[in-house]
Amino acid sequence: MTPRAVIVGLPGAGKSTTGRRLAKILAVGFSDSDDLVERADGRTVRAIFAESGEPAFRAIESAVITAALADFDGILALGGGALTVEATREAVVSSGVPVVVLKAARDTLRLRVGDASTRPLLADDPEGRLAELDRERAPVFDAVCAFSVDTDDRTPGQVAAKVAARLHEMRTR
């Protein structure tokens, strides 16, 4: 039993919102790696970053994602930086689960994340950090994705429908 799809993208791309809608369309469960981390650790993502740092967060994140890849049969949304960790990336790739990258223009991402007060990696400089994260993560996303979907000027429902259609095409080939 493995997830039907793994959804990745930059902060504000719509991973969780789209993932929930996609799960409804496919009549399966939805899980977000940040929620899994918080349940496993008993602290919020923000608290883990503040108290233990990003490396500790990434270690917990890698463990919960690896477990979900083995025993969760639904839609799994990953935090944007999850695939920057080699062990996590290898677990996702070796699972054979299709990886869907949600993309949006930087202006769209900035609007969606707002002041980014709840996003530890963006809090100090949302605009600058989004640009930096895009440069760092785009090659990783491109290397592992089955396909990408642009979320600009689309509702979450439209994005989820597009992803569902692409997943269906992949399964019927």
C-alpha atoms as a PDB file:
ATOM      1  CA  MET A   1       0.000   0.000   0.000  1.00  0.00           C
ATOM      2  CA  THR A   2       1.529   3.294  -1.117  1.00  0.00           C
ATOM      3  CA  PRO A   3       0.173   6.778  -1.730  1.00  0.00           C
ATOM      4  CA  ARG A   4      -1.624   7.488  -4.998  1.00  0.00           C
ATOM      5  CA  ALA A   5       0.484  10.622  -5.476  1.00  0.00           C
ATOM      6  CA  VAL A   6       3.006  12.783  -3.690  1.00  0.00           C
ATOM      7  CA  ILE A   7       2.518  16.523  -4.093  1.00  0.00           C
ATOM      8  CA  VAL A   8       5.435  18.944  -3.773  1.00  0.00           C
ATOM      9  CA  GLY A   9       6.090  22.600  -4.528  1.00  0.00           C
ATOM     10  CA  LEU A  10       7.264  25.851  -3.046  1.00  0.00           C
ATOM     11  CA  PRO A  11       5.490  27.451  -0.087  1.00  0.00           C
ATOM     12  CA  GLY A  12       2.199  28.878  -1.320  1.00  0.00           C
ATOM     13  CA  ALA A  13       1.970  26.618  -4.375  1.00  0.00           C
ATOM     14  CA  GLY A  14      -1.173  25.009  -2.967  1.00  0.00           C
ATOM     15  CA  LYS A  15       0.066  21.566  -1.901  1.00  0.00           C
ATOM     16  CA  SER A  16      -2.243  21.041   1.069  1.00  0.00           C
ATOM     17  CA  THR A  17      -5.305  22.713  -0.413  1.00  0.00           C
ATOM     18  CA  THR A  18      -4.961  20.894  -3.728  1.00  0.00           C
ATOM     19  CA  GLY A  19      -4.089  17.650  -1.973  1.00  0.00           C
ATOM     20  CA  ARG A  20      -7.284  17.718   0.086  1.00  0.00           C
ATOM     21  CA  ARG A  21      -9.404  18.364  -3.010  1.00  0.00           C
ATOM     22  CA  LEU A  22      -7.584  15.702  -5.003  1.00  0.00           C
ATOM     23  CA  ALA A  23      -8.134  13.189  -2.221  1.00  0.00           C
ATOM     24  CA  LYS A  24     -11.879  13.950  -2.342  1.00  0.00           C
ATOM     25  CA  ILE A  25     -11.974  13.471  -6.104  1.00  0.00           C
ATOM     26  CA  LEU A  26     -10.187  10.126  -5.804  1.00  0.00           C
ATOM     27  CA  ALA A  27     -12.117   9.105  -2.653  1.00  0.00           C
ATOM     28  CA  VAL A  28      -8.930   8.455  -0.674  1.00  0.00           C
ATOM     29  CA  GLY A  29      -7.332   9.923   2.434  1.00  0.00           C
ATOM     30  CA  PHE A  30      -5.106  12.966   2.572  1.00  0.00           C
ATOM     31  CA  SER A  31      -2.042  13.569   4.683  1.00  0.00           C
ATOM     32  CA  ASP A  32       0.389  16.452   4.963  1.00  0.00           C
ATOM     33  CA  SER A  33       3.956  15.760   6.076  1.00  0.00           C
ATOM     34  CA  ASP A  34       3.964  18.808   8.381  1.00  0.00           C
ATOM     35  CA  ASP A  35       0.934  17.379  10.215  1.00  0.00           C
ATOM     36  CA  LEU A  36       2.677  14.004  10.455  1.00  0.00           C
ATOM     37  CA  VAL A  37       5.778  15.677  11.898  1.00  0.00           C
ATOM     38  CA  GLU A  38       3.728  17.555  14.498  1.00  0.00           C
ATOM     39  CA  ARG A  39       1.921  14.375  15.556  1.00  0.00           C
ATOM     40  CA  ALA A  40       5.165  12.391  15.771  1.00  0.00           C
ATOM     41  CA  ASP A  41       7.074  15.038  17.714  1.00  0.00           C
ATOM     42  CA  GLY A  42       4.343  16.682  19.766  1.00  0.00           C
ATOM     43  CA  ARG A  43       5.476  20.176  18.780  1.00  0.00           C
ATOM     44  CA  THR A  44       4.516  22.511  15.974  1.00  0.00           C
ATOM     45  CA  VAL A  45       6.790  22.813  12.972  1.00  0.00           C
ATOM     46  CA  ARG A  46       7.572  26.346  14.079  1.00  0.00           C
ATOM     47  CA  ALA A  47       8.545  25.141  17.585  1.00  0.00           C
ATOM     48  CA  ILE A  48      10.766  22.390  16.182  1.00  0.00           C
ATOM     49  CA  PHE A  49      12.593  24.909  13.998  1.00  0.00           C
ATOM     50  CA  ALA A  50      12.958  27.383  16.874  1.00  0.00           C
ATOM     51  CA  GLU A  51      13.987  24.888  19.553  1.00  0.00           C
ATOM     52  CA  SER A  52      15.892  22.228  17.613  1.00  0.00           C
ATOM     53  CA  GLY A  53      16.715  23.724  14.211  1.00  0.00           C
ATOM     54  CA  GLU A  54      16.094  22.727  10.632  1.00  0.00           C
ATOM     55  CA  PRO A  55      18.311  19.583  10.659  1.00  0.00           C
ATOM     56  CA  ALA A  56      16.250  18.085  13.516  1.00  0.00           C
ATOM     57  CA  PHE A  57      13.037  18.947  11.684  1.00  0.00           C
ATOM     58  CA  ARG A  58      14.301  17.356   8.457  1.00  0.00           C
ATOM     59  CA  ALA A  59      15.248  14.141  10.296  1.00  0.00           C
ATOM     60  CA  ILE A  60      11.750  13.808  11.775  1.00  0.00           C
ATOM     61  CA  GLU A  61      10.205  14.731   8.442  1.00  0.00           C
ATOM     62  CA  SER A  62      12.236  12.089   6.605  1.00  0.00           C
ATOM     63  CA  ALA A  63      11.166   9.393   9.053  1.00  0.00           C
ATOM     64  CA  VAL A  64       7.448  10.200   8.842  1.00  0.00           C
ATOM     65  CA  ILE A  65       7.502  10.466   5.048  1.00  0.00           C
ATOM     66  CA  THR A  66       9.299   7.132   4.719  1.00  0.00           C
ATOM     67  CA  ALA A  67       6.679   5.538   6.979  1.00  0.00           C
ATOM     68  CA  ALA A  68       3.815   7.123   5.027  1.00  0.00           C
ATOM     69  CA  LEU A  69       5.247   5.860   1.749  1.00  0.00           C
ATOM     70  CA  ALA A  70       5.025   2.346   3.154  1.00  0.00           C
ATOM     71  CA  ASP A  71       1.601   2.385   4.761  1.00  0.00           C
ATOM     72  CA  PHE A  72      -0.561   5.265   3.550  1.00  0.00           C
ATOM     73  CA  ASP A  73      -2.862   4.827   0.565  1.00  0.00           C
ATOM     74  CA  GLY A  74      -3.935   8.339  -0.327  1.00  0.00           C
ATOM     75  CA  ILE A  75      -2.576  11.711  -1.344  1.00  0.00           C
ATOM     76  CA  LEU A  76       0.572  12.806   0.476  1.00  0.00           C
ATOM     77  CA  ALA A  77       1.609  16.471   0.413  1.00  0.00           C
ATOM     78  CA  LEU A  78       5.232  17.110   1.349  1.00  0.00           C
ATOM     79  CA  GLY A  79       6.769  20.221   2.815  1.00  0.00           C
ATOM     80  CA  GLY A  80       8.632  22.123   0.126  1.00  0.00           C
ATOM     81  CA  GLY A  81      12.078  21.233   1.453  1.00  0.00           C
ATOM     82  CA  ALA A  82      11.471  17.542   2.106  1.00  0.00           C
ATOM     83  CA  LEU A  83      13.032  16.420  -1.158  1.00  0.00           C
ATOM     84  CA  THR A  84      16.225  18.377  -0.484  1.00  0.00           C
ATOM     85  CA  VAL A  85      17.140  15.618   1.982  1.00  0.00           C
ATOM     86  CA  GLU A  86      18.762  12.779   0.049  1.00  0.00           C
ATOM     87  CA  ALA A  87      17.258   9.978   2.157  1.00  0.00           C
ATOM     88  CA  THR A  88      13.757  11.401   1.715  1.00  0.00           C
ATOM     89  CA  ARG A  89      14.232  11.953  -2.005  1.00  0.00           C
ATOM     90  CA  GLU A  90      15.527   8.385  -2.439  1.00  0.00           C
ATOM     91  CA  ALA A  91      12.592   6.968  -0.460  1.00  0.00           C
ATOM     92  CA  VAL A  92      10.101   8.867  -2.621  1.00  0.00           C
ATOM     93  CA  VAL A  93      11.774   7.892  -5.884  1.00  0.00           C
ATOM     94  CA  SER A  94      12.164   4.228  -4.927  1.00  0.00           C
ATOM     95  CA  SER A  95       8.493   4.047  -3.864  1.00  0.00           C
ATOM     96  CA  GLY A  96       7.420   4.520  -7.472  1.00  0.00           C
ATOM     97  CA  VAL A  97       4.655   6.892  -6.394  1.00  0.00           C
ATOM     98  CA  PRO A  98       4.049   9.659  -8.958  1.00  0.00           C
ATOM     99  CA  VAL A  99       5.428  12.990  -7.785  1.00  0.00           C
ATOM    100  CA  VAL A 100       3.376  16.017  -8.816  1.00  0.00           C
ATOM    101  CA  VAL A 101       4.994  19.445  -8.656  1.00  0.00           C
ATOM    102  CA  LEU A 102       2.685  22.402  -8.210  1.00  0.00           C
ATOM    103  CA  LYS A 103       4.132  25.580  -9.661  1.00  0.00           C
ATOM    104  CA  ALA A 104       3.167  29.234  -9.423  1.00  0.00           C
ATOM    105  CA  ALA A 105       4.754  32.550 -10.319  1.00  0.00           C
ATOM    106  CA  ARG A 106       6.706  34.186  -7.515  1.00  0.00           C
ATOM    107  CA  ASP A 107       4.179  37.040  -7.306  1.00  0.00           C
ATOM    108  CA  THR A 108       1.416  34.493  -6.768  1.00  0.00           C
ATOM    109  CA  LEU A 109       3.441  32.687  -4.107  1.00  0.00           C
ATOM    110  CA  ARG A 110       4.150  35.970  -2.285  1.00  0.00           C
ATOM    111  CA  LEU A 111       0.457  36.828  -2.222  1.00  0.00           C
ATOM    112  CA  ARG A 112      -0.467  33.373  -0.942  1.00  0.00           C
ATOM    113  CA  VAL A 113       2.084  33.269   1.888  1.00  0.00           C
ATOM    114  CA  GLY A 114       1.277  36.794   3.058  1.00  0.00           C
ATOM    115  CA  ASP A 115       3.549  37.891   5.901  1.00  0.00           C
ATOM    116  CA  ALA A 116       4.732  34.249   6.227  1.00  0.00           C
ATOM    117  CA  SER A 117       4.593  34.467  10.016  1.00  0.00           C
ATOM    118  CA  THR A 118       3.657  30.781  10.261  1.00  0.00           C
ATOM    119  CA  ARG A 119       6.378  29.656   7.835  1.00  0.00           C
ATOM    120  CA  PRO A 120       9.750  29.409   9.580  1.00  0.00           C
ATOM    121  CA  LEU A 121      11.831  29.383   6.403  1.00  0.00           C
ATOM    122  CA  LEU A 122      10.174  32.538   5.055  1.00  0.00           C
ATOM    123  CA  ALA A 123       9.462  34.619   8.157  1.00  0.00           C
ATOM    124  CA  ASP A 124      12.401  37.044   7.930  1.00  0.00           C
ATOM    125  CA  ASP A 125      12.234  37.846   4.208  1.00  0.00           C
ATOM    126  CA  PRO A 126       9.395  36.125   2.336  1.00  0.00           C
ATOM    127  CA  GLU A 127      10.196  37.584  -1.069  1.00  0.00           C
ATOM    128  CA  GLY A 128      13.941  36.953  -0.919  1.00  0.00           C
ATOM    129  CA  ARG A 129      13.577  33.505   0.596  1.00  0.00           C
ATOM    130  CA  LEU A 130      11.011  32.412  -2.019  1.00  0.00           C
ATOM    131  CA  ALA A 131      13.473  33.352  -4.759  1.00  0.00           C
ATOM    132  CA  GLU A 132      16.264  31.478  -2.993  1.00  0.00           C
ATOM    133  CA  LEU A 133      14.120  28.402  -2.354  1.00  0.00           C
ATOM    134  CA  ASP A 134      13.020  28.389  -5.982  1.00  0.00           C
ATOM    135  CA  ARG A 135      16.652  28.379  -7.171  1.00  0.00           C
ATOM    136  CA  GLU A 136      17.558  25.581  -4.736  1.00  0.00           C
ATOM    137  CA  ARG A 137      14.517  23.358  -5.123  1.00  0.00           C
ATOM    138  CA  ALA A 138      13.478  23.651  -8.780  1.00  0.00           C
ATOM    139  CA  PRO A 139      16.210  21.265 -10.000  1.00  0.00           C
ATOM    140  CA  VAL A 140      15.277  18.737  -7.286  1.00  0.00           C
ATOM    141  CA  PHE A 141      11.582  18.944  -8.151  1.00  0.00           C
ATOM    142  CA  ASP A 142      12.288  18.636 -11.868  1.00  0.00           C
ATOM    143  CA  ALA A 143      14.501  15.589 -11.320  1.00  0.00           C
ATOM    144  CA  VAL A 144      11.820  13.565  -9.519  1.00  0.00           C
ATOM    145  CA  CYS A 145       8.486  14.762 -10.874  1.00  0.00           C
ATOM    146  CA  ALA A 146       6.165  12.713 -13.024  1.00  0.00           C
ATOM    147  CA  PHE A 147       4.541  15.977 -14.119  1.00  0.00           C
ATOM    148  CA  SER A 148       3.919  19.541 -12.985  1.00  0.00           C
ATOM    149  CA  VAL A 149       0.809  21.687 -12.888  1.00  0.00           C
ATOM    150  CA  ASP A 150       0.703  25.474 -12.914  1.00  0.00           C
ATOM    151  CA  THR A 151      -1.605  26.798 -10.198  1.00  0.00           C
ATOM    152  CA  ASP A 152      -1.651  30.435 -11.330  1.00  0.00           C
ATOM    153  CA  ASP A 153      -5.139  31.698 -12.186  1.00  0.00           C
ATOM    154  CA  ARG A 154      -6.714  28.337 -11.282  1.00  0.00           C
ATOM    155  CA  THR A 155      -8.877  27.459  -8.321  1.00  0.00           C
ATOM    156  CA  PRO A 156      -7.748  24.601  -6.078  1.00  0.00           C
ATOM    157  CA  GLY A 157     -10.585  22.536  -7.519  1.00  0.00           C
ATOM    158  CA  GLN A 158      -9.374  23.146 -11.066  1.00  0.00           C
ATOM    159  CA  VAL A 159      -5.815  22.223 -10.101  1.00  0.00           C
ATOM    160  CA  ALA A 160      -6.994  19.054  -8.352  1.00  0.00           C
ATOM    161  CA  ALA A 161      -9.088  18.068 -11.379  1.00  0.00           C
ATOM    162  CA  LYS A 162      -6.094  18.587 -13.665  1.00  0.00           C
ATOM    163  CA  VAL A 163      -3.886  16.453 -11.402  1.00  0.00           C
ATOM    164  CA  ALA A 164      -6.553  13.727 -11.203  1.00  0.00           C
ATOM    165  CA  ALA A 165      -6.838  13.661 -14.999  1.00  0.00           C
ATOM    166  CA  ARG A 166      -3.055  13.401 -15.428  1.00  0.00           C
ATOM    167  CA  LEU A 167      -2.842  10.605 -12.832  1.00  0.00           C
ATOM    168  CA  HIS A 168      -5.632   8.753 -14.636  1.00  0.00           C
ATOM    169  CA  GLU A 169      -3.760   9.103 -17.953  1.00  0.00           C
ATOM    170  CA  MET A 170      -0.637   7.663 -16.337  1.00  0.00           C
ATOM    171  CA  ARG A 171      -2.515   4.645 -14.970  1.00  0.00           C
ATOM    172  CA  THR A 172      -4.277   3.860 -18.254  1.00  0.00           C
ATOM    173  CA  ARG A 173      -1.187   3.854 -20.438  1.00  0.00           C
END
